[in-house]
Amino acid sequence: MARILPELLESIPEMVQAFATILEASVPQAVLVLCGAVLIGFSVLIMGYLTAGAIVSPVVSASPRGREYQ
């Protein structure tokens, strides 16, 4: 169990080499990999934005707003 993190860190250069091999193979494969990276990056940004909103929303709504009209 203690070897999981070092093995994970050691596999990162191998992953980069594997993706570089795919990107060098042909132009259509490179385009597909880059499109996938853009889609994943966009999804991560949207989910991060929604998560930040869910965390901040209760804190902001709990603060007093001053006088409210009745």
PDB file of N, CA and C in Angstrom:
ATOM      1  N   MET A   1       0.823  -1.199   0.000  1.00  0.00           N
ATOM      2  CA  MET A   1       0.000   0.000   0.000  1.00  0.00           C
ATOM      3  C   MET A   1       0.865   1.260   0.000  1.00  0.00           C
ATOM      4  N   ALA A   2       2.032   1.176   0.628  1.00  0.00           N
ATOM      5  CA  ALA A   2       2.901   2.349   0.716  1.00  0.00           C
ATOM      6  C   ALA A   2       3.606   2.635  -0.609  1.00  0.00           C
ATOM      7  N   ARG A   3       3.628   1.659  -1.518  1.00  0.00           N
ATOM      8  CA  ARG A   3       4.312   1.841  -2.800  1.00  0.00           C
ATOM      9  C   ARG A   3       3.417   2.450  -3.868  1.00  0.00           C
ATOM     10  N   ILE A   4       2.182   2.738  -3.551  1.00  0.00           N
ATOM     11  CA  ILE A   4       1.257   3.233  -4.570  1.00  0.00           C
ATOM     12  C   ILE A   4       1.696   4.595  -5.100  1.00  0.00           C
ATOM     13  N   LEU A   5       2.009   5.527  -4.217  1.00  0.00           N
ATOM     14  CA  LEU A   5       2.387   6.873  -4.652  1.00  0.00           C
ATOM     15  C   LEU A   5       3.675   6.873  -5.477  1.00  0.00           C
ATOM     16  N   PRO A   6       4.736   6.211  -5.038  1.00  0.00           N
ATOM     17  CA  PRO A   6       5.941   6.188  -5.886  1.00  0.00           C
ATOM     18  C   PRO A   6       5.700   5.536  -7.250  1.00  0.00           C
ATOM     19  N   GLU A   7       4.902   4.466  -7.280  1.00  0.00           N
ATOM     20  CA  GLU A   7       4.598   3.824  -8.560  1.00  0.00           C
ATOM     21  C   GLU A   7       3.801   4.756  -9.462  1.00  0.00           C
ATOM     22  N   LEU A   8       2.887   5.496  -8.867  1.00  0.00           N
ATOM     23  CA  LEU A   8       2.105   6.453  -9.645  1.00  0.00           C
ATOM     24  C   LEU A   8       3.003   7.536 -10.230  1.00  0.00           C
ATOM     25  N   LEU A   9       3.903   8.062  -9.423  1.00  0.00           N
ATOM     26  CA  LEU A   9       4.809   9.108  -9.896  1.00  0.00           C
ATOM     27  C   LEU A   9       5.782   8.577 -10.949  1.00  0.00           C
ATOM     28  N   GLU A  10       6.186   7.320 -10.815  1.00  0.00           N
ATOM     29  CA  GLU A  10       7.081   6.730 -11.808  1.00  0.00           C
ATOM     30  C   GLU A  10       6.370   6.481 -13.138  1.00  0.00           C
ATOM     31  N   SER A  11       5.061   6.288 -13.097  1.00  0.00           N
ATOM     32  CA  SER A  11       4.326   5.987 -14.330  1.00  0.00           C
ATOM     33  C   SER A  11       4.029   7.236 -15.162  1.00  0.00           C
ATOM     34  N   ILE A  12       4.188   8.423 -14.593  1.00  0.00           N
ATOM     35  CA  ILE A  12       3.887   9.657 -15.333  1.00  0.00           C
ATOM     36  C   ILE A  12       4.798   9.826 -16.548  1.00  0.00           C
ATOM     37  N   PRO A  13       6.125   9.666 -16.418  1.00  0.00           N
ATOM     38  CA  PRO A  13       6.962   9.776 -17.631  1.00  0.00           C
ATOM     39  C   PRO A  13       6.623   8.717 -18.683  1.00  0.00           C
ATOM     40  N   GLU A  14       6.248   7.519 -18.232  1.00  0.00           N
ATOM     41  CA  GLU A  14       5.850   6.479 -19.183  1.00  0.00           C
ATOM     42  C   GLU A  14       4.592   6.895 -19.935  1.00  0.00           C
ATOM     43  N   MET A  15       3.658   7.517 -19.231  1.00  0.00           N
ATOM     44  CA  MET A  15       2.426   7.977 -19.865  1.00  0.00           C
ATOM     45  C   MET A  15       2.731   9.067 -20.889  1.00  0.00           C
ATOM     46  N   VAL A  16       3.615   9.983 -20.544  1.00  0.00           N
ATOM     47  CA  VAL A  16       3.985  11.054 -21.470  1.00  0.00           C
ATOM     48  C   VAL A  16       4.627  10.467 -22.723  1.00  0.00           C
ATOM     49  N   GLN A  17       5.490   9.484 -22.551  1.00  0.00           N
ATOM     50  CA  GLN A  17       6.118   8.842 -23.707  1.00  0.00           C
ATOM     51  C   GLN A  17       5.086   8.122 -24.569  1.00  0.00           C
ATOM     52  N   ALA A  18       4.112   7.483 -23.943  1.00  0.00           N
ATOM     53  CA  ALA A  18       3.075   6.780 -24.705  1.00  0.00           C
ATOM     54  C   ALA A  18       2.246   7.768 -25.520  1.00  0.00           C
ATOM     55  N   PHE A  19       1.863   8.883 -24.913  1.00  0.00           N
ATOM     56  CA  PHE A  19       1.097   9.888 -25.648  1.00  0.00           C
ATOM     57  C   PHE A  19       1.938  10.525 -26.750  1.00  0.00           C
ATOM     58  N   ALA A  20       3.222  10.737 -26.501  1.00  0.00           N
ATOM     59  CA  ALA A  20       4.092  11.303 -27.539  1.00  0.00           C
ATOM     60  C   ALA A  20       4.196  10.356 -28.725  1.00  0.00           C
ATOM     61  N   THR A  21       4.264   9.065 -28.458  1.00  0.00           N
ATOM     62  CA  THR A  21       4.310   8.078 -29.538  1.00  0.00           C
ATOM     63  C   THR A  21       3.029   8.125 -30.366  1.00  0.00           C
ATOM     64  N   ILE A  22       1.890   8.259 -29.702  1.00  0.00           N
ATOM     65  CA  ILE A  22       0.607   8.343 -30.410  1.00  0.00           C
ATOM     66  C   ILE A  22       0.543   9.621 -31.239  1.00  0.00           C
ATOM     67  N   LEU A  23       0.992  10.732 -30.657  1.00  0.00           N
ATOM     68  CA  LEU A  23       0.940  12.007 -31.370  1.00  0.00           C
ATOM     69  C   LEU A  23       1.852  12.018 -32.596  1.00  0.00           C
ATOM     70  N   GLU A  24       2.963  11.315 -32.528  1.00  0.00           N
ATOM     71  CA  GLU A  24       3.893  11.274 -33.654  1.00  0.00           C
ATOM     72  C   GLU A  24       3.444  10.315 -34.751  1.00  0.00           C
ATOM     73  N   ALA A  25       2.506   9.428 -34.467  1.00  0.00           N
ATOM     74  CA  ALA A  25       2.121   8.388 -35.427  1.00  0.00           C
ATOM     75  C   ALA A  25       1.466   8.975 -36.671  1.00  0.00           C
ATOM     76  N   SER A  26       0.448   9.805 -36.479  1.00  0.00           N
ATOM     77  CA  SER A  26      -0.219  10.404 -37.636  1.00  0.00           C
ATOM     78  C   SER A  26      -0.979  11.644 -37.197  1.00  0.00           C
ATOM     79  N   VAL A  27      -1.288  12.477 -38.166  1.00  0.00           N
ATOM     80  CA  VAL A  27      -1.987  13.734 -37.881  1.00  0.00           C
ATOM     81  C   VAL A  27      -3.401  13.493 -37.353  1.00  0.00           C
ATOM     82  N   PRO A  28      -4.195  12.590 -37.946  1.00  0.00           N
ATOM     83  CA  PRO A  28      -5.544  12.379 -37.403  1.00  0.00           C
ATOM     84  C   PRO A  28      -5.537  11.906 -35.948  1.00  0.00           C
ATOM     85  N   GLN A  29      -4.579  11.059 -35.594  1.00  0.00           N
ATOM     86  CA  GLN A  29      -4.495  10.610 -34.207  1.00  0.00           C
ATOM     87  C   GLN A  29      -4.138  11.769 -33.284  1.00  0.00           C
ATOM     88  N   ALA A  30      -3.252  12.626 -33.725  1.00  0.00           N
ATOM     89  CA  ALA A  30      -2.882  13.786 -32.920  1.00  0.00           C
ATOM     90  C   ALA A  30      -4.074  14.708 -32.719  1.00  0.00           C
ATOM     91  N   VAL A  31      -4.858  14.910 -33.776  1.00  0.00           N
ATOM     92  CA  VAL A  31      -6.043  15.771 -33.678  1.00  0.00           C
ATOM     93  C   VAL A  31      -7.045  15.175 -32.699  1.00  0.00           C
ATOM     94  N   LEU A  32      -7.252  13.866 -32.771  1.00  0.00           N
ATOM     95  CA  LEU A  32      -8.192  13.221 -31.861  1.00  0.00           C
ATOM     96  C   LEU A  32      -7.734  13.319 -30.406  1.00  0.00           C
ATOM     97  N   VAL A  33      -6.454  13.124 -30.158  1.00  0.00           N
ATOM     98  CA  VAL A  33      -5.934  13.228 -28.790  1.00  0.00           C
ATOM     99  C   VAL A  33      -6.087  14.655 -28.275  1.00  0.00           C
ATOM    100  N   LEU A  34      -5.782  15.637 -29.108  1.00  0.00           N
ATOM    101  CA  LEU A  34      -5.908  17.029 -28.683  1.00  0.00           C
ATOM    102  C   LEU A  34      -7.365  17.419 -28.457  1.00  0.00           C
ATOM    103  N   CYS A  35      -8.276  16.929 -29.295  1.00  0.00           N
ATOM    104  CA  CYS A  35      -9.711  17.196 -29.077  1.00  0.00           C
ATOM    105  C   CYS A  35     -10.172  16.576 -27.761  1.00  0.00           C
ATOM    106  N   GLY A  36      -9.717  15.378 -27.480  1.00  0.00           N
ATOM    107  CA  GLY A  36     -10.053  14.735 -26.209  1.00  0.00           C
ATOM    108  C   GLY A  36      -9.518  15.520 -25.026  1.00  0.00           C
ATOM    109  N   ALA A  37      -8.304  16.039 -25.154  1.00  0.00           N
ATOM    110  CA  ALA A  37      -7.722  16.836 -24.073  1.00  0.00           C
ATOM    111  C   ALA A  37      -8.521  18.110 -23.840  1.00  0.00           C
ATOM    112  N   VAL A  38      -8.973  18.742 -24.924  1.00  0.00           N
ATOM    113  CA  VAL A  38      -9.784  19.962 -24.793  1.00  0.00           C
ATOM    114  C   VAL A  38     -11.114  19.648 -24.120  1.00  0.00           C
ATOM    115  N   LEU A  39     -11.765  18.557 -24.529  1.00  0.00           N
ATOM    116  CA  LEU A  39     -13.043  18.186 -23.920  1.00  0.00           C
ATOM    117  C   LEU A  39     -12.895  17.866 -22.433  1.00  0.00           C
ATOM    118  N   ILE A  40     -11.865  17.125 -22.080  1.00  0.00           N
ATOM    119  CA  ILE A  40     -11.634  16.790 -20.673  1.00  0.00           C
ATOM    120  C   ILE A  40     -11.305  18.047 -19.881  1.00  0.00           C
ATOM    121  N   GLY A  41     -10.458  18.912 -20.421  1.00  0.00           N
ATOM    122  CA  GLY A  41     -10.119  20.160 -19.732  1.00  0.00           C
ATOM    123  C   GLY A  41     -11.334  21.037 -19.509  1.00  0.00           C
ATOM    124  N   PHE A  42     -12.195  21.150 -20.523  1.00  0.00           N
ATOM    125  CA  PHE A  42     -13.422  21.938 -20.396  1.00  0.00           C
ATOM    126  C   PHE A  42     -14.333  21.347 -19.324  1.00  0.00           C
ATOM    127  N   SER A  43     -14.470  20.028 -19.310  1.00  0.00           N
ATOM    128  CA  SER A  43     -15.310  19.367 -18.310  1.00  0.00           C
ATOM    129  C   SER A  43     -14.783  19.596 -16.896  1.00  0.00           C
ATOM    130  N   VAL A  44     -13.479  19.523 -16.735  1.00  0.00           N
ATOM    131  CA  VAL A  44     -12.879  19.742 -15.416  1.00  0.00           C
ATOM    132  C   VAL A  44     -13.098  21.179 -14.960  1.00  0.00           C
ATOM    133  N   LEU A  45     -12.959  22.141 -15.873  1.00  0.00           N
ATOM    134  CA  LEU A  45     -13.191  23.542 -15.513  1.00  0.00           C
ATOM    135  C   LEU A  45     -14.637  23.783 -15.091  1.00  0.00           C
ATOM    136  N   ILE A  46     -15.588  23.248 -15.835  1.00  0.00           N
ATOM    137  CA  ILE A  46     -16.999  23.424 -15.494  1.00  0.00           C
ATOM    138  C   ILE A  46     -17.304  22.781 -14.145  1.00  0.00           C
ATOM    139  N   MET A  47     -16.819  21.569 -13.919  1.00  0.00           N
ATOM    140  CA  MET A  47     -17.075  20.890 -12.649  1.00  0.00           C
ATOM    141  C   MET A  47     -16.408  21.631 -11.495  1.00  0.00           C
ATOM    142  N   GLY A  48     -15.221  22.166 -11.703  1.00  0.00           N
ATOM    143  CA  GLY A  48     -14.565  22.963 -10.665  1.00  0.00           C
ATOM    144  C   GLY A  48     -15.345  24.216 -10.336  1.00  0.00           C
ATOM    145  N   TYR A  49     -15.881  24.869 -11.363  1.00  0.00           N
ATOM    146  CA  TYR A  49     -16.697  26.066 -11.161  1.00  0.00           C
ATOM    147  C   TYR A  49     -17.957  25.732 -10.367  1.00  0.00           C
ATOM    148  N   LEU A  50     -18.629  24.653 -10.730  1.00  0.00           N
ATOM    149  CA  LEU A  50     -19.842  24.256 -10.016  1.00  0.00           C
ATOM    150  C   LEU A  50     -19.544  23.849  -8.575  1.00  0.00           C
ATOM    151  N   THR A  51     -18.435  23.153  -8.367  1.00  0.00           N
ATOM    152  CA  THR A  51     -18.056  22.748  -7.017  1.00  0.00           C
ATOM    153  C   THR A  51     -17.716  23.956  -6.162  1.00  0.00           C
ATOM    154  N   ALA A  52     -16.973  24.902  -6.717  1.00  0.00           N
ATOM    155  CA  ALA A  52     -16.646  26.124  -5.970  1.00  0.00           C
ATOM    156  C   ALA A  52     -17.916  26.890  -5.626  1.00  0.00           C
ATOM    157  N   GLY A  53     -18.863  26.960  -6.549  1.00  0.00           N
ATOM    158  CA  GLY A  53     -20.129  27.626  -6.271  1.00  0.00           C
ATOM    159  C   GLY A  53     -20.902  26.937  -5.172  1.00  0.00           C
ATOM    160  N   ALA A  54     -20.887  25.603  -5.154  1.00  0.00           N
ATOM    161  CA  ALA A  54     -21.592  24.856  -4.119  1.00  0.00           C
ATOM    162  C   ALA A  54     -20.945  25.042  -2.754  1.00  0.00           C
ATOM    163  N   ILE A  55     -19.642  25.230  -2.722  1.00  0.00           N
ATOM    164  CA  ILE A  55     -18.951  25.433  -1.446  1.00  0.00           C
ATOM    165  C   ILE A  55     -19.147  26.857  -0.943  1.00  0.00           C
ATOM    166  N   VAL A  56     -19.093  27.827  -1.831  1.00  0.00           N
ATOM    167  CA  VAL A  56     -19.163  29.235  -1.446  1.00  0.00           C
ATOM    168  C   VAL A  56     -20.598  29.685  -1.182  1.00  0.00           C
ATOM    169  N   SER A  57     -21.561  29.103  -1.855  1.00  0.00           N
ATOM    170  CA  SER A  57     -22.953  29.546  -1.752  1.00  0.00           C
ATOM    171  C   SER A  57     -23.497  29.543  -0.323  1.00  0.00           C
ATOM    172  N   PRO A  58     -23.322  28.496   0.477  1.00  0.00           N
ATOM    173  CA  PRO A  58     -23.842  28.535   1.847  1.00  0.00           C
ATOM    174  C   PRO A  58     -23.155  29.588   2.716  1.00  0.00           C
ATOM    175  N   VAL A  59     -21.889  29.833   2.466  1.00  0.00           N
ATOM    176  CA  VAL A  59     -21.154  30.824   3.261  1.00  0.00           C
ATOM    177  C   VAL A  59     -21.656  32.224   2.946  1.00  0.00           C
ATOM    178  N   VAL A  60     -21.867  32.509   1.678  1.00  0.00           N
ATOM    179  CA  VAL A  60     -22.308  33.837   1.263  1.00  0.00           C
ATOM    180  C   VAL A  60     -23.753  34.074   1.673  1.00  0.00           C
ATOM    181  N   SER A  61     -24.616  33.066   1.544  1.00  0.00           N
ATOM    182  CA  SER A  61     -26.024  33.260   1.886  1.00  0.00           C
ATOM    183  C   SER A  61     -26.233  33.355   3.390  1.00  0.00           C
ATOM    184  N   ALA A  62     -25.291  32.882   4.212  1.00  0.00           N
ATOM    185  CA  ALA A  62     -25.424  32.957   5.662  1.00  0.00           C
ATOM    186  C   ALA A  62     -25.037  34.328   6.201  1.00  0.00           C
ATOM    187  N   SER A  63     -24.347  35.136   5.416  1.00  0.00           N
ATOM    188  CA  SER A  63     -23.925  36.449   5.894  1.00  0.00           C
ATOM    189  C   SER A  63     -25.117  37.407   5.889  1.00  0.00           C
ATOM    190  N   PRO A  64     -25.155  38.338   6.850  1.00  0.00           N
ATOM    191  CA  PRO A  64     -26.270  39.295   6.901  1.00  0.00           C
ATOM    192  C   PRO A  64     -26.234  40.241   5.705  1.00  0.00           C
ATOM    193  N   ARG A  65     -27.422  40.640   5.252  1.00  0.00           N
ATOM    194  CA  ARG A  65     -27.518  41.498   4.077  1.00  0.00           C
ATOM    195  C   ARG A  65     -27.914  42.924   4.436  1.00  0.00           C
ATOM    196  N   GLY A  66     -28.022  43.215   5.675  1.00  0.00           N
ATOM    197  CA  GLY A  66     -28.461  44.553   6.063  1.00  0.00           C
ATOM    198  C   GLY A  66     -29.976  44.611   6.144  1.00  0.00           C
ATOM    199  N   ARG A  67     -30.530  45.798   6.000  1.00  0.00           N
ATOM    200  CA  ARG A  67     -31.983  45.949   6.080  1.00  0.00           C
ATOM    201  C   ARG A  67     -32.654  45.375   4.848  1.00  0.00           C
ATOM    202  N   GLU A  68     -33.738  44.705   5.099  1.00  0.00           N
ATOM    203  CA  GLU A  68     -34.543  44.202   3.998  1.00  0.00           C
ATOM    204  C   GLU A  68     -35.918  44.829   4.103  1.00  0.00           C
ATOM    205  N   TYR A  69     -36.511  45.109   2.984  1.00  0.00           N
ATOM    206  CA  TYR A  69     -37.844  45.699   2.975  1.00  0.00           C
ATOM    207  C   TYR A  69     -38.871  44.648   3.356  1.00  0.00           C
ATOM    208  N   GLN A  70     -39.839  45.103   4.144  1.00  0.00           N
ATOM    209  CA  GLN A  70     -40.867  44.161   4.583  1.00  0.00           C
ATOM    210  C   GLN A  70     -42.165  44.415   3.893  1.00  0.00           C
TER     211      GLN A  70
END
